Protein backbone atom coordinates (compact mmCIF):
# COMPACT_ATOMS: atom_id res chain seq x y z
CA MET A 1 -18.33 -0.37 -7.21
CA GLY A 2 -15.88 -0.36 -4.03
CA VAL A 3 -12.80 -1.71 -4.37
CA ILE A 4 -10.92 -1.95 -0.10
CA VAL A 5 -7.76 -2.35 0.59
CA ASP A 6 -6.45 -3.84 3.41
CA ALA A 7 -2.69 -3.64 4.40
CA THR A 8 -2.78 -4.85 7.74
CA GLY A 9 0.29 -7.49 8.36
CA VAL A 10 1.77 -5.62 5.77
CA ALA A 11 5.44 -4.69 5.88
CA GLY A 12 5.85 -0.46 5.63
CA GLY A 13 8.09 -0.20 2.65
CA SER A 14 6.40 -2.30 0.26
CA THR A 15 4.43 -2.80 -3.13
CA PHE A 16 2.17 -4.99 -4.16
CA THR A 17 -0.04 -4.86 -7.39
CA THR A 18 -2.70 -7.89 -8.40
CA SER A 19 -5.98 -7.23 -10.11
CA VAL A 20 -9.26 -7.64 -10.53
CA THR A 21 -11.61 -8.95 -13.17
CA ILE A 22 -14.89 -7.64 -13.27
CA ARG A 23 -17.60 -9.57 -15.40
CA ALA A 24 -20.86 -8.80 -16.94
CA MET A 25 -23.72 -10.70 -18.19
CA ASP A 26 -27.22 -10.16 -19.89
CA PRO A 27 -30.24 -11.29 -16.96
CA LEU A 28 -31.85 -12.15 -19.53
CA THR A 29 -30.20 -13.87 -21.93
CA GLY A 30 -27.08 -15.04 -19.55
CA ASN A 31 -24.99 -14.10 -22.58
CA VAL A 32 -21.70 -12.24 -22.07
CA VAL A 33 -22.43 -8.21 -22.14
CA ALA A 34 -20.00 -6.00 -25.06
CA GLY A 35 -16.79 -4.54 -22.43
CA SER A 36 -17.13 -8.21 -19.89
CA PRO A 37 -15.09 -9.01 -18.81
CA PHE A 38 -12.20 -5.70 -18.02
CA THR A 39 -9.34 -6.14 -15.34
CA VAL A 40 -8.25 -3.31 -13.44
CA ASN A 41 -4.76 -3.34 -12.46
CA VAL A 42 -4.18 -2.67 -8.51
CA THR A 43 -1.14 -1.84 -6.72
CA ILE A 44 -0.45 -1.01 -3.25
CA ASN A 45 1.93 1.39 -1.98
CA VAL A 46 2.77 1.24 2.11
CA ALA A 47 4.00 4.35 3.38
CA PRO A 48 7.28 2.31 5.56
CA PRO A 49 7.37 4.69 8.91
CA VAL A 50 9.22 7.94 9.79
CA MET A 51 10.12 8.95 12.29
CA GLN A 52 10.10 12.77 13.28
CA ILE A 53 11.15 14.53 16.88
CA ASN A 54 9.89 17.31 17.68
CA THR A 55 13.67 19.35 18.89
CA ASN A 56 16.93 18.63 18.02
CA THR A 57 18.62 20.58 21.06
CA LEU A 58 17.68 19.32 25.09
CA SER A 59 19.78 22.07 26.92
CA TYR A 60 20.37 22.52 30.53
CA THR A 61 22.04 25.21 33.42
CA ALA A 62 23.34 23.63 36.04
CA ASN A 63 25.83 23.88 39.39
CA ALA A 64 28.46 21.37 39.93
CA GLY A 65 28.39 19.23 42.72
CA GLY A 66 24.39 21.07 42.60
CA VAL A 67 21.22 20.20 43.12
CA ASN A 68 19.78 17.97 39.16
CA SER A 69 17.78 19.29 36.53
CA SER A 70 14.82 19.01 35.98
CA ALA A 71 13.82 16.66 32.91
CA LEU A 72 13.33 18.19 29.87
CA SER A 73 11.41 16.40 27.28
CA LEU A 74 11.07 15.80 23.23
CA THR A 75 7.79 14.13 21.40
CA LEU A 76 8.85 11.11 18.89
CA THR A 77 5.92 10.51 16.02
CA ASN A 78 6.01 8.10 13.33
CA THR A 79 4.71 10.14 10.84
CA GLY A 80 5.27 7.31 8.24
CA GLY A 81 2.91 4.35 7.91
CA ASP A 82 3.44 0.65 9.79
CA GLY A 83 4.93 0.73 13.16
CA LEU A 84 8.07 2.29 14.46
CA THR A 85 9.55 0.86 16.88
CA TRP A 86 13.48 2.80 18.51
CA SER A 87 15.39 2.70 21.68
CA ALA A 88 17.48 5.97 22.88
CA SER A 89 20.65 5.91 24.28
CA PRO A 90 23.44 8.71 25.36
CA LEU A 91 26.52 9.50 23.22
CA HIS A 92 29.32 9.39 26.32
CA LYS A 93 32.01 11.80 24.51
CA ARG A 94 35.61 11.43 26.47
CA GLY A 95 34.74 9.37 29.32
CA TYR A 96 32.10 12.02 30.79
CA ARG A 97 28.72 9.84 31.82
CA TRP A 98 26.59 12.53 32.90
CA VAL A 99 23.28 12.25 30.36
């Protein structure tokens, strides 16, 4: 007997519990057999999303008034469960807007 859970549409970071009741009977007599019914508790813990970025520094070398530097990349992955929505915006210090 296999029991499968389907977490489709369930929010990450959630926990749900339920139970499965198993019943058995003797096919010749139709009587319930010893140990029946039996209840199995089922818990599903849906993992929350976890953001992971492969670097914490992007380092450029540039000359004032020179040609723009080539783009550097970083990789953002979801190492947890569920979906991950993200955004990126520069943090401007002292009014400089160079990112």
